[in-house]
Amino acid sequence: MSKAKQKGTAFETAVVRYMQRWYPDVERRALQGENDKGDIAGLEIQGYPVVVECKNTKQLDISGHMKEAIREAQNAHAAFTVLIQHAPRIGFDKDENTGQQWAIMPLHDFMELFWLAEGNGYEPINSTYGE
């Protein structure tokens, strides 16, 4: 396994462990090539699946990484997507550090989450995922 792959796996594992504090069924997803469905499975919001894509890269490429996450959300028929980006100079060896990593998502997903949190039903207000 390449060093970059090892770094990515270590980051994904730390993020999964952190998420499992609240959602024990969260797990790393196996790679599926061009039909990849994100790095982390088992996270849902009121029954609607969330695709989580993790990136542990020196060079920030939020646009490129978000495009990848959205494509994977389409593959998974997910309602929401979030990119977990390793924050520069913040480790992930302890939960308090892992919790400081960046969670990035499209604004329309963010607004739909608030819509759901207020007790409204899910009404897709975007066409990002081909709906």
C-alpha atoms as a PDB file:
ATOM      1  CA  MET A   1       0.000   0.000   0.000  1.00  0.00           C
ATOM      2  CA  SER A   2       1.365   3.442  -0.926  1.00  0.00           C
ATOM      3  CA  LYS A   3       2.181   6.003   1.742  1.00  0.00           C
ATOM      4  CA  ALA A   4      -0.620   8.278   0.484  1.00  0.00           C
ATOM      5  CA  LYS A   5      -3.100   5.378   0.689  1.00  0.00           C
ATOM      6  CA  GLN A   6      -1.930   4.616   4.245  1.00  0.00           C
ATOM      7  CA  LYS A   7      -2.443   8.261   5.257  1.00  0.00           C
ATOM      8  CA  GLY A   8      -5.933   8.238   3.753  1.00  0.00           C
ATOM      9  CA  THR A   9      -6.859   4.991   5.488  1.00  0.00           C
ATOM     10  CA  ALA A  10      -5.592   6.282   8.846  1.00  0.00           C
ATOM     11  CA  PHE A  11      -7.657   9.463   8.453  1.00  0.00           C
ATOM     12  CA  GLU A  12     -10.815   7.578   7.429  1.00  0.00           C
ATOM     13  CA  THR A  13     -10.389   5.224  10.389  1.00  0.00           C
ATOM     14  CA  ALA A  14     -10.033   8.149  12.817  1.00  0.00           C
ATOM     15  CA  VAL A  15     -13.133   9.846  11.385  1.00  0.00           C
ATOM     16  CA  VAL A  16     -15.144   6.610  11.634  1.00  0.00           C
ATOM     17  CA  ARG A  17     -14.084   6.087  15.273  1.00  0.00           C
ATOM     18  CA  TYR A  18     -15.104   9.663  16.052  1.00  0.00           C
ATOM     19  CA  MET A  19     -18.520   9.291  14.371  1.00  0.00           C
ATOM     20  CA  GLN A  20     -19.148   5.962  16.104  1.00  0.00           C
ATOM     21  CA  ARG A  21     -19.354   7.811  19.424  1.00  0.00           C
ATOM     22  CA  TRP A  22     -22.815   8.914  18.268  1.00  0.00           C
ATOM     23  CA  TYR A  23     -23.623   6.424  15.513  1.00  0.00           C
ATOM     24  CA  PRO A  24     -22.195   2.951  16.262  1.00  0.00           C
ATOM     25  CA  ASP A  25     -23.217   1.525  12.857  1.00  0.00           C
ATOM     26  CA  VAL A  26     -20.932   3.880  10.906  1.00  0.00           C
ATOM     27  CA  GLU A  27     -18.137   2.022   9.081  1.00  0.00           C
ATOM     28  CA  ARG A  28     -15.540   2.429   6.365  1.00  0.00           C
ATOM     29  CA  ARG A  29     -16.884   1.484   2.968  1.00  0.00           C
ATOM     30  CA  ALA A  30     -14.935  -0.763   0.582  1.00  0.00           C
ATOM     31  CA  LEU A  31     -13.672   0.891  -2.607  1.00  0.00           C
ATOM     32  CA  GLN A  32     -15.894   0.263  -5.617  1.00  0.00           C
ATOM     33  CA  GLY A  33     -13.922   1.805  -8.459  1.00  0.00           C
ATOM     34  CA  GLU A  34     -15.789   4.239 -10.679  1.00  0.00           C
ATOM     35  CA  ASN A  35     -19.022   3.284  -8.875  1.00  0.00           C
ATOM     36  CA  ASP A  36     -17.588   4.328  -5.513  1.00  0.00           C
ATOM     37  CA  LYS A  37     -20.217   5.423  -2.999  1.00  0.00           C
ATOM     38  CA  GLY A  38     -18.048   7.378  -0.552  1.00  0.00           C
ATOM     39  CA  ASP A  39     -15.624   6.434   2.191  1.00  0.00           C
ATOM     40  CA  ILE A  40     -18.005   6.045   5.120  1.00  0.00           C
ATOM     41  CA  ALA A  41     -21.298   4.155   5.247  1.00  0.00           C
ATOM     42  CA  GLY A  42     -24.077   3.912   7.812  1.00  0.00           C
ATOM     43  CA  LEU A  43     -24.769   7.593   8.401  1.00  0.00           C
ATOM     44  CA  GLU A  44     -28.337   8.736   7.828  1.00  0.00           C
ATOM     45  CA  ILE A  45     -30.445  11.737   8.725  1.00  0.00           C
ATOM     46  CA  GLN A  46     -34.044  10.766   9.451  1.00  0.00           C
ATOM     47  CA  GLY A  47     -33.574   7.739   7.209  1.00  0.00           C
ATOM     48  CA  TYR A  48     -31.960   9.650   4.342  1.00  0.00           C
ATOM     49  CA  PRO A  49     -28.452   8.397   3.497  1.00  0.00           C
ATOM     50  CA  VAL A  50     -25.417  10.649   3.726  1.00  0.00           C
ATOM     51  CA  VAL A  51     -22.290  10.102   1.659  1.00  0.00           C
ATOM     52  CA  VAL A  52     -19.087  10.954   3.508  1.00  0.00           C
ATOM     53  CA  GLU A  53     -15.895  11.461   1.528  1.00  0.00           C
ATOM     54  CA  CYS A  54     -12.641  11.886   3.503  1.00  0.00           C
ATOM     55  CA  LYS A  55      -9.516  13.607   2.222  1.00  0.00           C
ATOM     56  CA  ASN A  56      -6.146  13.735   3.955  1.00  0.00           C
ATOM     57  CA  THR A  57      -4.172  15.787   1.447  1.00  0.00           C
ATOM     58  CA  LYS A  58      -1.475  18.430   1.780  1.00  0.00           C
ATOM     59  CA  GLN A  59      -2.839  20.367  -1.174  1.00  0.00           C
ATOM     60  CA  LEU A  60      -6.403  21.571  -0.649  1.00  0.00           C
ATOM     61  CA  ASP A  61      -8.614  20.845  -3.654  1.00  0.00           C
ATOM     62  CA  ILE A  62     -12.029  21.450  -2.175  1.00  0.00           C
ATOM     63  CA  SER A  63     -13.672  21.944  -5.558  1.00  0.00           C
ATOM     64  CA  GLY A  64     -12.263  18.722  -6.995  1.00  0.00           C
ATOM     65  CA  HIS A  65     -12.912  16.738  -3.827  1.00  0.00           C
ATOM     66  CA  MET A  66     -16.478  18.037  -3.580  1.00  0.00           C
ATOM     67  CA  LYS A  67     -17.135  17.052  -7.210  1.00  0.00           C
ATOM     68  CA  GLU A  68     -15.936  13.557  -6.335  1.00  0.00           C
ATOM     69  CA  ALA A  69     -18.152  13.457  -3.230  1.00  0.00           C
ATOM     70  CA  ILE A  70     -21.207  14.591  -5.223  1.00  0.00           C
ATOM     71  CA  ARG A  71     -20.547  11.951  -7.894  1.00  0.00           C
ATOM     72  CA  GLU A  72     -20.332   9.324  -5.155  1.00  0.00           C
ATOM     73  CA  ALA A  73     -23.574  10.613  -3.620  1.00  0.00           C
ATOM     74  CA  GLN A  74     -25.210  10.136  -7.016  1.00  0.00           C
ATOM     75  CA  ASN A  75     -23.835   6.569  -7.143  1.00  0.00           C
ATOM     76  CA  ALA A  76     -25.245   5.881  -3.675  1.00  0.00           C
ATOM     77  CA  HIS A  77     -28.590   7.628  -4.346  1.00  0.00           C
ATOM     78  CA  ALA A  78     -27.869   9.655  -1.209  1.00  0.00           C
ATOM     79  CA  ALA A  79     -29.782  12.720  -0.100  1.00  0.00           C
ATOM     80  CA  PHE A  80     -26.761  14.514   1.346  1.00  0.00           C
ATOM     81  CA  THR A  81     -23.012  14.650   0.960  1.00  0.00           C
ATOM     82  CA  VAL A  82     -20.248  15.899   3.192  1.00  0.00           C
ATOM     83  CA  LEU A  83     -16.527  16.203   2.574  1.00  0.00           C
ATOM     84  CA  ILE A  84     -14.338  15.689   5.644  1.00  0.00           C
ATOM     85  CA  GLN A  85     -11.059  17.459   4.900  1.00  0.00           C
ATOM     86  CA  HIS A  86      -7.977  17.076   7.076  1.00  0.00           C
ATOM     87  CA  ALA A  87      -7.401  20.515   8.562  1.00  0.00           C
ATOM     88  CA  PRO A  88      -3.803  21.710   8.143  1.00  0.00           C
ATOM     89  CA  ARG A  89      -1.634  21.343  11.244  1.00  0.00           C
ATOM     90  CA  ILE A  90      -4.376  19.602  13.261  1.00  0.00           C
ATOM     91  CA  GLY A  91      -3.770  15.951  13.980  1.00  0.00           C
ATOM     92  CA  PHE A  92      -6.357  13.234  14.276  1.00  0.00           C
ATOM     93  CA  ASP A  93      -4.653  11.069  16.869  1.00  0.00           C
ATOM     94  CA  LYS A  94      -7.142  12.083  19.607  1.00  0.00           C
ATOM     95  CA  ASP A  95     -10.913  12.568  19.454  1.00  0.00           C
ATOM     96  CA  GLU A  96     -10.656  16.255  20.368  1.00  0.00           C
ATOM     97  CA  ASN A  97      -8.371  16.749  17.351  1.00  0.00           C
ATOM     98  CA  THR A  98     -10.441  14.591  14.999  1.00  0.00           C
ATOM     99  CA  GLY A  99     -13.475  16.664  15.929  1.00  0.00           C
ATOM    100  CA  GLN A 100     -11.693  19.768  14.603  1.00  0.00           C
ATOM    101  CA  GLN A 101     -11.359  18.449  11.040  1.00  0.00           C
ATOM    102  CA  TRP A 102     -13.349  20.322   8.440  1.00  0.00           C
ATOM    103  CA  ALA A 103     -16.808  19.174   7.394  1.00  0.00           C
ATOM    104  CA  ILE A 104     -17.685  20.827   4.081  1.00  0.00           C
ATOM    105  CA  MET A 105     -20.967  20.488   2.239  1.00  0.00           C
ATOM    106  CA  PRO A 106     -22.952  22.207  -0.491  1.00  0.00           C
ATOM    107  CA  LEU A 107     -25.062  25.077   0.838  1.00  0.00           C
ATOM    108  CA  HIS A 108     -28.299  23.507  -0.429  1.00  0.00           C
ATOM    109  CA  ASP A 109     -27.561  20.328   1.570  1.00  0.00           C
ATOM    110  CA  PHE A 110     -26.863  22.460   4.625  1.00  0.00           C
ATOM    111  CA  MET A 111     -30.199  24.269   4.236  1.00  0.00           C
ATOM    112  CA  GLU A 112     -32.083  21.000   3.704  1.00  0.00           C
ATOM    113  CA  LEU A 113     -30.597  19.724   6.983  1.00  0.00           C
ATOM    114  CA  PHE A 114     -31.979  22.730   8.817  1.00  0.00           C
ATOM    115  CA  TRP A 115     -35.324  22.217   7.085  1.00  0.00           C
ATOM    116  CA  LEU A 116     -35.395  18.632   8.387  1.00  0.00           C
ATOM    117  CA  ALA A 117     -34.210  19.667  11.865  1.00  0.00           C
ATOM    118  CA  GLU A 118     -37.229  21.959  12.182  1.00  0.00           C
ATOM    119  CA  GLY A 119     -39.498  18.957  11.723  1.00  0.00           C
ATOM    120  CA  ASN A 120     -40.301  19.496   8.076  1.00  0.00           C
ATOM    121  CA  GLY A 121     -40.359  16.558   5.696  1.00  0.00           C
ATOM    122  CA  TYR A 122     -37.566  16.012   3.238  1.00  0.00           C
ATOM    123  CA  GLU A 123     -38.231  17.939   0.053  1.00  0.00           C
ATOM    124  CA  PRO A 124     -35.283  17.917  -2.322  1.00  0.00           C
ATOM    125  CA  ILE A 125     -34.732  21.527  -3.278  1.00  0.00           C
ATOM    126  CA  ASN A 126     -31.799  20.812  -5.552  1.00  0.00           C
ATOM    127  CA  SER A 127     -30.925  18.795  -8.582  1.00  0.00           C
ATOM    128  CA  THR A 128     -27.292  18.143  -7.632  1.00  0.00           C
ATOM    129  CA  TYR A 129     -27.857  14.417  -7.265  1.00  0.00           C
ATOM    130  CA  GLY A 130     -29.956  13.921 -10.348  1.00  0.00           C
ATOM    131  CA  GLU A 131     -33.357  14.171  -8.656  1.00  0.00           C
END
